[in-house]
């Protein structure tokens, strides 16, 4: 199974600005993941990112974490996350 425009997959991501950079647009994007031993966290490792099949689930997590939802529409989008 792979994502399509009619059945997208989702990741939750958050932009963390660089604390010591002078320009406002520098920083890093981190992705929500779910380790087995504690509640969800954020990581820069795209291969550990949680992939959601439901927009409702991704939106619920994004809202609770002050993050945003990104839709994955193609197989190439998913390859970025090592799947």
N, C-alpha and C. Protein backbone atom coordinates (compact mmCIF):
# COMPACT_ATOMS: atom_id res chain seq x y z
N UNK A 1 0.84 -1.18 0.00
CA UNK A 1 0.00 0.00 0.00
C UNK A 1 0.88 1.24 0.00
N UNK A 2 0.49 2.25 -0.75
CA UNK A 2 1.23 3.49 -0.79
C UNK A 2 0.26 4.67 -0.78
N UNK A 3 0.75 5.86 -0.42
CA UNK A 3 -0.16 7.00 -0.36
C UNK A 3 -0.54 7.50 -1.75
N UNK A 4 -1.70 8.10 -1.83
CA UNK A 4 -2.17 8.73 -3.07
C UNK A 4 -2.84 10.04 -2.70
N UNK A 5 -3.23 10.81 -3.69
CA UNK A 5 -3.92 12.06 -3.40
C UNK A 5 -5.28 11.81 -2.75
N UNK A 6 -5.88 10.65 -3.02
CA UNK A 6 -7.16 10.32 -2.41
C UNK A 6 -7.00 9.62 -1.06
N UNK A 7 -5.81 9.11 -0.78
CA UNK A 7 -5.53 8.42 0.48
C UNK A 7 -4.13 8.80 0.97
N UNK A 8 -3.95 10.06 1.38
CA UNK A 8 -2.61 10.49 1.81
C UNK A 8 -2.23 9.94 3.16
N UNK A 9 -0.93 9.92 3.43
CA UNK A 9 -0.39 9.63 4.74
C UNK A 9 0.07 10.95 5.34
N UNK A 10 0.35 10.97 6.62
CA UNK A 10 0.66 12.23 7.29
C UNK A 10 1.81 12.07 8.27
N UNK A 11 2.59 13.14 8.43
CA UNK A 11 3.59 13.23 9.49
C UNK A 11 3.33 14.53 10.24
N UNK A 12 3.73 14.55 11.50
CA UNK A 12 3.61 15.75 12.32
C UNK A 12 5.01 16.33 12.46
N UNK A 13 5.14 17.60 12.13
CA UNK A 13 6.45 18.23 12.18
C UNK A 13 6.36 19.58 12.87
N UNK A 14 7.53 20.01 13.37
CA UNK A 14 7.61 21.26 14.11
C UNK A 14 8.91 21.95 13.71
N UNK A 15 8.86 23.25 13.51
CA UNK A 15 10.06 24.02 13.18
C UNK A 15 10.64 24.60 14.46
N UNK A 16 11.90 24.31 14.70
CA UNK A 16 12.60 24.86 15.85
C UNK A 16 13.62 25.87 15.35
N UNK A 17 13.42 27.16 15.65
CA UNK A 17 14.40 28.15 15.21
C UNK A 17 15.72 27.98 15.93
N UNK A 18 16.76 28.36 15.27
CA UNK A 18 18.11 28.28 15.84
C UNK A 18 18.26 29.38 16.88
N UNK A 19 18.61 29.02 18.09
CA UNK A 19 18.69 29.98 19.19
C UNK A 19 19.85 30.96 19.03
N UNK A 20 20.92 30.54 18.40
CA UNK A 20 22.08 31.41 18.28
C UNK A 20 22.28 31.99 16.88
N UNK A 21 21.33 31.77 15.96
CA UNK A 21 21.41 32.33 14.61
C UNK A 21 20.77 33.71 14.58
N UNK A 22 21.30 34.59 13.76
CA UNK A 22 20.77 35.95 13.70
C UNK A 22 19.58 36.08 12.76
N UNK A 23 19.54 35.30 11.72
CA UNK A 23 18.42 35.35 10.78
C UNK A 23 17.26 34.53 11.33
N UNK A 24 16.05 35.02 11.15
CA UNK A 24 14.87 34.34 11.72
C UNK A 24 14.52 33.04 11.01
N UNK A 25 14.94 32.88 9.76
CA UNK A 25 14.51 31.70 9.01
C UNK A 25 15.45 30.51 9.15
N UNK A 26 16.45 30.59 10.00
CA UNK A 26 17.33 29.45 10.22
C UNK A 26 16.83 28.61 11.38
N UNK A 27 16.92 27.34 11.23
CA UNK A 27 16.48 26.42 12.27
C UNK A 27 16.40 25.02 11.69
N UNK A 28 15.65 24.17 12.33
CA UNK A 28 15.52 22.80 11.87
C UNK A 28 14.09 22.31 12.02
N UNK A 29 13.73 21.39 11.15
CA UNK A 29 12.42 20.76 11.24
C UNK A 29 12.61 19.45 11.98
N UNK A 30 11.77 19.22 12.98
CA UNK A 30 11.80 17.97 13.72
C UNK A 30 10.47 17.27 13.53
N UNK A 31 10.52 15.95 13.61
CA UNK A 31 9.36 15.12 13.32
C UNK A 31 8.94 14.34 14.56
N UNK A 32 7.65 14.22 14.74
CA UNK A 32 7.09 13.48 15.88
C UNK A 32 7.35 12.00 15.70
N UNK A 33 7.79 11.34 16.77
CA UNK A 33 7.93 9.88 16.75
C UNK A 33 7.46 9.34 18.09
N UNK A 34 7.19 8.04 18.12
CA UNK A 34 6.64 7.41 19.31
C UNK A 34 7.55 6.30 19.81
N UNK A 35 8.45 6.62 20.73
CA UNK A 35 9.27 5.55 21.31
C UNK A 35 8.40 4.65 22.18
N UNK A 36 8.83 3.43 22.35
CA UNK A 36 8.03 2.46 23.10
C UNK A 36 8.02 2.73 24.60
N UNK A 37 9.07 3.37 25.11
CA UNK A 37 9.19 3.49 26.56
C UNK A 37 8.72 4.82 27.15
N UNK A 38 8.28 5.76 26.32
CA UNK A 38 7.77 7.04 26.85
C UNK A 38 6.89 7.72 25.82
N UNK A 39 6.23 8.81 26.20
CA UNK A 39 5.34 9.51 25.26
C UNK A 39 6.12 10.06 24.07
N UNK A 40 5.38 10.46 23.06
CA UNK A 40 5.98 10.95 21.83
C UNK A 40 6.95 12.10 22.03
N UNK A 41 7.93 12.13 21.18
CA UNK A 41 8.96 13.15 21.19
C UNK A 41 9.19 13.64 19.77
N UNK A 42 10.11 14.56 19.60
CA UNK A 42 10.46 15.04 18.27
C UNK A 42 11.92 14.71 17.98
N UNK A 43 12.21 14.42 16.71
CA UNK A 43 13.56 14.06 16.28
C UNK A 43 13.83 14.65 14.91
N UNK A 44 15.09 14.87 14.60
CA UNK A 44 15.46 15.32 13.26
C UNK A 44 15.66 14.13 12.33
N UNK A 45 15.71 12.92 12.88
CA UNK A 45 15.89 11.70 12.09
C UNK A 45 14.58 11.35 11.40
N UNK A 46 14.50 11.62 10.11
CA UNK A 46 13.26 11.40 9.35
C UNK A 46 12.83 9.93 9.35
N UNK A 47 13.77 9.01 9.48
CA UNK A 47 13.44 7.58 9.45
C UNK A 47 12.73 7.13 10.71
N UNK A 48 12.77 7.91 11.77
CA UNK A 48 12.07 7.56 13.01
C UNK A 48 10.71 8.23 13.11
N UNK A 49 10.37 9.09 12.15
CA UNK A 49 9.11 9.83 12.19
C UNK A 49 7.91 8.88 12.16
N UNK A 50 6.91 9.22 12.94
CA UNK A 50 5.66 8.45 12.94
C UNK A 50 4.87 8.81 11.69
N UNK A 51 4.39 7.80 10.99
CA UNK A 51 3.55 8.01 9.81
C UNK A 51 2.11 7.71 10.23
N UNK A 52 1.24 8.67 10.02
CA UNK A 52 -0.17 8.52 10.37
C UNK A 52 -0.97 8.24 9.11
N UNK A 53 -1.91 7.33 9.21
CA UNK A 53 -2.80 7.03 8.09
C UNK A 53 -4.10 7.85 8.18
N UNK A 54 -4.30 8.48 9.32
CA UNK A 54 -5.54 9.22 9.58
C UNK A 54 -5.21 10.69 9.83
N UNK A 55 -5.87 11.57 9.11
CA UNK A 55 -5.69 13.01 9.33
C UNK A 55 -6.15 13.40 10.73
N UNK A 56 -7.20 12.78 11.22
CA UNK A 56 -7.70 13.09 12.55
C UNK A 56 -6.66 12.79 13.62
N UNK A 57 -6.00 11.66 13.52
CA UNK A 57 -4.96 11.30 14.50
C UNK A 57 -3.78 12.25 14.42
N UNK A 58 -3.34 12.54 13.21
CA UNK A 58 -2.21 13.46 13.04
C UNK A 58 -2.57 14.85 13.55
N UNK A 59 -3.77 15.30 13.26
CA UNK A 59 -4.21 16.63 13.71
C UNK A 59 -4.30 16.71 15.22
N UNK A 60 -4.75 15.64 15.85
CA UNK A 60 -4.85 15.61 17.31
C UNK A 60 -3.47 15.75 17.94
N UNK A 61 -2.50 15.03 17.42
CA UNK A 61 -1.12 15.12 17.93
C UNK A 61 -0.56 16.50 17.65
N UNK A 62 -0.74 17.00 16.44
CA UNK A 62 -0.21 18.32 16.08
C UNK A 62 -0.78 19.41 16.98
N UNK A 63 -2.06 19.35 17.25
CA UNK A 63 -2.69 20.34 18.11
C UNK A 63 -2.13 20.28 19.53
N UNK A 64 -1.93 19.10 20.04
CA UNK A 64 -1.43 18.97 21.41
C UNK A 64 0.05 19.35 21.53
N UNK A 65 0.78 19.30 20.42
CA UNK A 65 2.21 19.60 20.44
C UNK A 65 2.54 20.95 19.81
N UNK A 66 1.54 21.74 19.44
CA UNK A 66 1.74 23.02 18.76
C UNK A 66 2.61 22.82 17.52
N UNK A 67 2.25 21.83 16.73
CA UNK A 67 3.01 21.47 15.53
C UNK A 67 2.09 21.56 14.31
N UNK A 68 2.57 21.10 13.17
CA UNK A 68 1.77 21.13 11.95
C UNK A 68 1.75 19.74 11.32
N UNK A 69 0.75 19.52 10.48
CA UNK A 69 0.60 18.24 9.79
C UNK A 69 1.08 18.42 8.35
N UNK A 70 1.86 17.47 7.89
CA UNK A 70 2.32 17.46 6.50
C UNK A 70 1.75 16.24 5.81
N UNK A 71 1.14 16.44 4.65
CA UNK A 71 0.56 15.33 3.89
C UNK A 71 1.60 14.73 2.96
N UNK A 72 1.63 13.41 2.92
CA UNK A 72 2.50 12.67 2.01
C UNK A 72 1.61 12.08 0.93
N UNK A 73 1.80 12.52 -0.32
CA UNK A 73 0.88 12.15 -1.39
C UNK A 73 1.42 11.13 -2.36
N UNK A 74 2.73 10.97 -2.41
CA UNK A 74 3.33 10.06 -3.40
C UNK A 74 4.31 9.11 -2.72
N UNK A 75 4.70 8.11 -3.46
CA UNK A 75 5.69 7.15 -2.96
C UNK A 75 7.03 7.85 -2.72
N UNK A 76 7.35 8.85 -3.53
CA UNK A 76 8.59 9.61 -3.35
C UNK A 76 8.57 10.38 -2.04
N UNK A 77 7.41 10.93 -1.66
CA UNK A 77 7.29 11.63 -0.38
C UNK A 77 7.62 10.69 0.77
N UNK A 78 7.17 9.47 0.69
CA UNK A 78 7.36 8.49 1.75
C UNK A 78 8.81 8.01 1.81
N UNK A 79 9.47 7.93 0.66
CA UNK A 79 10.87 7.49 0.62
C UNK A 79 11.76 8.42 1.44
N UNK A 80 11.40 9.70 1.51
CA UNK A 80 12.14 10.65 2.33
C UNK A 80 12.21 10.19 3.79
N UNK A 81 11.20 9.44 4.21
CA UNK A 81 11.11 8.96 5.60
C UNK A 81 11.55 7.50 5.74
N UNK A 82 12.23 6.98 4.72
CA UNK A 82 12.81 5.64 4.81
C UNK A 82 11.80 4.52 4.76
N UNK A 83 10.67 4.74 4.12
CA UNK A 83 9.66 3.70 4.04
C UNK A 83 9.38 3.35 2.60
